[in-house]
Amino acid sequence: MTEKFLDKIYNARDPESTRDLYDAWAASYEEEISENSYATPRRAAAALAKFSPDTSAPTLDFGCGTGLSGLALKLAGFDCIDGVDLSPDMLAHATHKQVYRTTQQIEAGAPLAHKPGDYFAIAAIGVIGAGAAPIKVFDTLMHGLARGGLFVFSFNDHALAEPQNEGRINEWTDCGAATLLFREYGDHLPGKRMKSNVYVLEKK
């Protein structure tokens, strides 16, 4: 019987343990989340496409996992996508999909390898929240955009239960550093009766 991970993934843990868990999950990840009708990548890619004047501009898929987010971006019209992730085993599956220009393993808390402006858009789909990246990653990714750049990301119900997550969006928008272009609550993992908010921010 294949080990199930969805019921254990949202527990908080240190970055090394998180990477180990995702490595162990890599082989069965897509099967398990497909059983639960994972919907957020498609929703996020469609939202980003709605506000992107040029889908050929370089896009960074941060926390790309096995590449389902990159595949959704590709199907939405984006054709210059780089993927980065903590888990080498997840990243191997992403690379095999051949939707990315490049893929690269990164370390938790490491600075971004690109300069602001190298990517017109950054995606962090299902990346920030319990059992995954901390909210400080939000700031890192926003600082990795030039003015006018777009950031598409999602908070599932677990992340929305922590007020500091949406609070960080307000910190950026209230001072005029970013504009919220899109926010929509909808399906995340219907099989688990879980929903998510998808957002698109424009950096000012």
Protein backbone atom coordinates (compact mmCIF):
# COMPACT_ATOMS: atom_id res chain seq x y z
CA MET A 1 0.00 0.00 0.00
CA THR A 2 1.37 3.41 -0.98
CA GLU A 3 2.15 5.67 1.97
CA LYS A 4 -0.08 8.75 2.19
CA PHE A 5 1.40 12.14 3.02
CA LEU A 6 -1.37 14.74 2.76
CA ASP A 7 -2.57 14.23 6.32
CA LYS A 8 0.92 14.74 7.74
CA ILE A 9 2.40 17.40 5.47
CA TYR A 10 0.90 20.42 7.24
CA ASN A 11 2.70 19.83 10.54
CA ALA A 12 5.39 22.42 11.20
CA ARG A 13 8.98 21.17 10.94
CA ASP A 14 12.51 22.39 10.25
CA PRO A 15 13.68 22.86 6.63
CA GLU A 16 15.79 19.69 6.55
CA SER A 17 12.91 17.52 7.74
CA THR A 18 10.60 19.23 5.27
CA ARG A 19 12.96 18.45 2.40
CA ASP A 20 13.28 14.84 3.55
CA LEU A 21 9.49 14.49 3.69
CA TYR A 22 9.03 15.88 0.20
CA ASP A 23 11.81 13.64 -1.11
CA ALA A 24 9.98 10.63 0.34
CA TRP A 25 6.70 11.83 -1.16
CA ALA A 26 8.07 12.57 -4.63
CA ALA A 27 7.29 9.19 -6.22
CA SER A 28 3.63 9.14 -5.12
CA TYR A 29 2.94 12.90 -4.88
CA GLU A 30 1.07 13.36 -8.14
CA GLU A 31 -1.02 10.23 -7.67
CA GLU A 32 -2.12 11.30 -4.19
CA ILE A 33 -3.01 14.87 -5.00
CA SER A 34 -4.68 13.84 -8.27
CA GLU A 35 -6.93 11.57 -6.21
CA ASN A 36 -7.99 14.74 -4.38
CA SER A 37 -8.43 16.84 -7.57
CA TYR A 38 -5.65 19.39 -6.96
CA ALA A 39 -6.99 22.60 -8.52
CA THR A 40 -4.82 25.52 -7.36
CA PRO A 41 -2.10 25.39 -10.08
CA ARG A 42 -4.65 25.74 -12.88
CA ARG A 43 -6.43 28.57 -11.07
CA ALA A 44 -3.19 30.42 -10.34
CA ALA A 45 -1.85 30.06 -13.88
CA ALA A 46 -5.11 31.38 -15.34
CA ALA A 47 -5.04 34.35 -12.96
CA LEU A 48 -1.46 35.23 -13.89
CA ALA A 49 -2.22 34.95 -17.60
CA LYS A 50 -5.12 37.37 -17.17
CA PHE A 51 -2.76 40.14 -16.05
CA SER A 52 0.38 39.31 -18.06
CA PRO A 53 0.90 41.50 -21.12
CA ASP A 54 3.51 39.07 -22.48
CA THR A 55 3.39 35.39 -21.55
CA SER A 56 6.74 34.86 -23.28
CA ALA A 57 8.51 36.92 -20.59
CA PRO A 58 10.62 34.84 -18.15
CA THR A 59 8.71 33.40 -15.18
CA LEU A 60 10.14 31.82 -12.04
CA ASP A 61 8.24 28.88 -10.54
CA PHE A 62 9.44 28.98 -6.94
CA GLY A 63 8.87 25.75 -5.05
CA CYS A 64 7.98 23.99 -8.27
CA GLY A 65 7.75 20.52 -6.71
CA THR A 66 7.18 17.83 -9.34
CA GLY A 67 6.32 20.45 -11.95
CA LEU A 68 2.54 20.51 -11.83
CA SER A 69 2.62 24.28 -11.38
CA GLY A 70 5.00 24.64 -14.32
CA LEU A 71 2.77 22.45 -16.45
CA ALA A 72 -0.24 24.61 -15.55
CA LEU A 73 1.74 27.75 -16.47
CA LYS A 74 2.78 26.19 -19.76
CA LEU A 75 -0.82 25.27 -20.60
CA ALA A 76 -1.84 28.86 -19.77
CA GLY A 77 0.58 30.17 -22.41
CA PHE A 78 3.81 30.77 -20.51
CA ASP A 79 6.76 29.34 -22.42
CA CYS A 80 9.88 30.60 -20.60
CA ILE A 81 9.73 29.08 -17.12
CA ASP A 82 12.52 28.29 -14.66
CA GLY A 83 11.82 26.02 -11.70
CA VAL A 84 13.50 25.89 -8.28
CA ASP A 85 12.78 23.66 -5.29
CA LEU A 86 14.29 22.38 -2.04
CA SER A 87 13.69 18.71 -2.82
CA PRO A 88 16.02 17.07 -5.35
CA ASP A 89 13.66 14.13 -5.77
CA MET A 90 10.70 16.40 -6.51
CA LEU A 91 12.89 18.43 -8.85
CA ALA A 92 13.86 15.32 -10.82
CA HIS A 93 10.18 14.76 -11.66
CA ALA A 94 9.80 18.44 -12.63
CA THR A 95 12.82 18.29 -14.93
CA HIS A 96 11.45 15.17 -16.63
CA LYS A 97 8.28 17.05 -17.65
CA GLN A 98 10.34 19.24 -19.99
CA VAL A 99 8.24 22.36 -19.34
CA TYR A 100 11.11 24.29 -17.75
CA ARG A 101 13.96 26.16 -19.38
CA THR A 102 16.10 25.34 -16.32
CA THR A 103 15.60 23.67 -12.94
CA GLN A 104 17.74 24.21 -9.86
CA GLN A 105 17.83 22.93 -6.29
CA ILE A 106 17.89 25.67 -3.66
CA GLU A 107 18.47 25.77 0.09
CA ALA A 108 15.97 27.09 2.63
CA GLY A 109 16.64 30.73 3.46
CA ALA A 110 19.21 31.18 0.71
CA PRO A 111 19.13 34.45 -1.26
CA LEU A 112 17.56 34.40 -4.69
CA ALA A 113 20.01 33.64 -7.48
CA HIS A 114 18.52 36.24 -9.84
CA LYS A 115 18.40 40.03 -9.95
CA PRO A 116 15.10 41.98 -9.81
CA GLY A 117 13.90 42.27 -13.37
CA ASP A 118 15.32 38.96 -14.57
CA TYR A 119 11.79 37.57 -14.18
CA PHE A 120 8.67 39.50 -15.06
CA ALA A 121 6.61 37.14 -12.92
CA ILE A 122 7.22 34.86 -9.95
CA ALA A 123 4.86 32.04 -9.00
CA ALA A 124 4.70 30.44 -5.55
CA ILE A 125 1.77 28.08 -5.92
CA GLY A 126 1.00 26.08 -2.77
CA VAL A 127 4.39 27.09 -1.37
CA ILE A 128 3.85 29.38 1.63
CA GLY A 129 2.11 28.05 4.74
CA ALA A 130 2.06 25.27 7.30
CA GLY A 131 4.45 22.45 6.48
CA ALA A 132 6.10 24.44 3.71
CA ALA A 133 7.82 27.83 3.40
CA PRO A 134 7.48 30.49 6.14
CA ILE A 135 5.87 33.85 5.45
CA LYS A 136 9.28 35.59 5.26
CA VAL A 137 9.63 33.94 1.84
CA PHE A 138 6.84 36.26 0.68
CA ASP A 139 9.11 39.28 1.23
CA THR A 140 12.06 37.55 -0.42
CA LEU A 141 10.05 36.90 -3.57
CA MET A 142 8.56 40.39 -3.70
CA HIS A 143 12.05 41.86 -3.41
CA GLY A 144 13.04 39.58 -6.30
CA LEU A 145 10.72 41.49 -8.65
CA ALA A 146 11.33 44.79 -10.40
CA ARG A 147 8.64 47.47 -10.45
CA GLY A 148 5.72 46.33 -12.52
CA GLY A 149 6.52 42.65 -11.92
CA LEU A 150 3.76 40.23 -11.00
CA PHE A 151 3.63 37.76 -8.11
CA VAL A 152 1.06 34.95 -8.21
CA PHE A 153 0.70 32.80 -5.11
CA SER A 154 -1.80 30.93 -3.01
CA PHE A 155 -2.74 30.43 0.63
CA ASN A 156 -4.72 27.29 1.42
CA ASP A 157 -7.13 27.04 4.35
CA HIS A 158 -4.29 26.15 6.74
CA ALA A 159 -2.35 29.26 5.69
CA LEU A 160 -5.46 31.45 5.84
CA ALA A 161 -6.02 30.35 9.44
CA GLU A 162 -2.80 32.18 10.36
CA PRO A 163 -3.57 35.94 10.27
CA GLN A 164 0.05 36.96 9.67
CA ASN A 165 -0.07 35.48 6.17
CA GLU A 166 -2.76 37.72 4.71
CA GLY A 167 -1.44 40.44 7.01
CA ARG A 168 1.79 40.44 5.04
CA ILE A 169 -0.16 41.21 1.86
CA ASN A 170 -1.74 44.17 3.63
CA GLU A 171 1.66 45.45 4.72
CA TRP A 172 2.75 45.68 1.11
CA THR A 173 -0.49 47.09 -0.29
CA ASP A 174 -1.29 49.54 2.51
CA CYS A 175 1.97 51.43 2.01
CA GLY A 176 1.62 51.43 -1.77
CA ALA A 177 4.54 49.07 -2.41
CA ALA A 178 2.21 46.68 -4.25
CA THR A 179 -1.27 46.56 -5.73
CA LEU A 180 -3.57 43.58 -5.28
CA LEU A 181 -4.87 42.80 -8.75
CA PHE A 182 -6.68 39.56 -8.00
CA ARG A 183 -7.93 37.50 -5.08
CA GLU A 184 -10.24 34.52 -5.45
CA TYR A 185 -11.29 31.82 -3.00
CA GLY A 186 -11.91 28.48 -4.64
CA ASP A 187 -11.03 24.81 -4.85
CA HIS A 188 -7.64 23.61 -3.65
CA LEU A 189 -8.02 19.92 -2.81
CA PRO A 190 -11.75 19.15 -3.16
CA GLY A 191 -11.15 15.55 -2.11
CA LYS A 192 -10.03 16.89 1.27
CA ARG A 193 -12.70 19.62 1.28
CA MET A 194 -9.91 22.19 1.28
CA LYS A 195 -9.96 25.53 -0.51
CA SER A 196 -7.41 28.24 -1.20
CA ASN A 197 -7.10 31.89 -2.07
CA VAL A 198 -5.21 32.69 -5.26
CA TYR A 199 -3.67 36.16 -5.48
CA VAL A 200 -1.89 38.29 -8.06
CA LEU A 201 0.15 41.26 -6.81
CA GLU A 202 1.86 43.91 -8.89
CA LYS A 203 5.01 45.43 -7.40
CA LYS A 204 5.10 49.21 -7.46
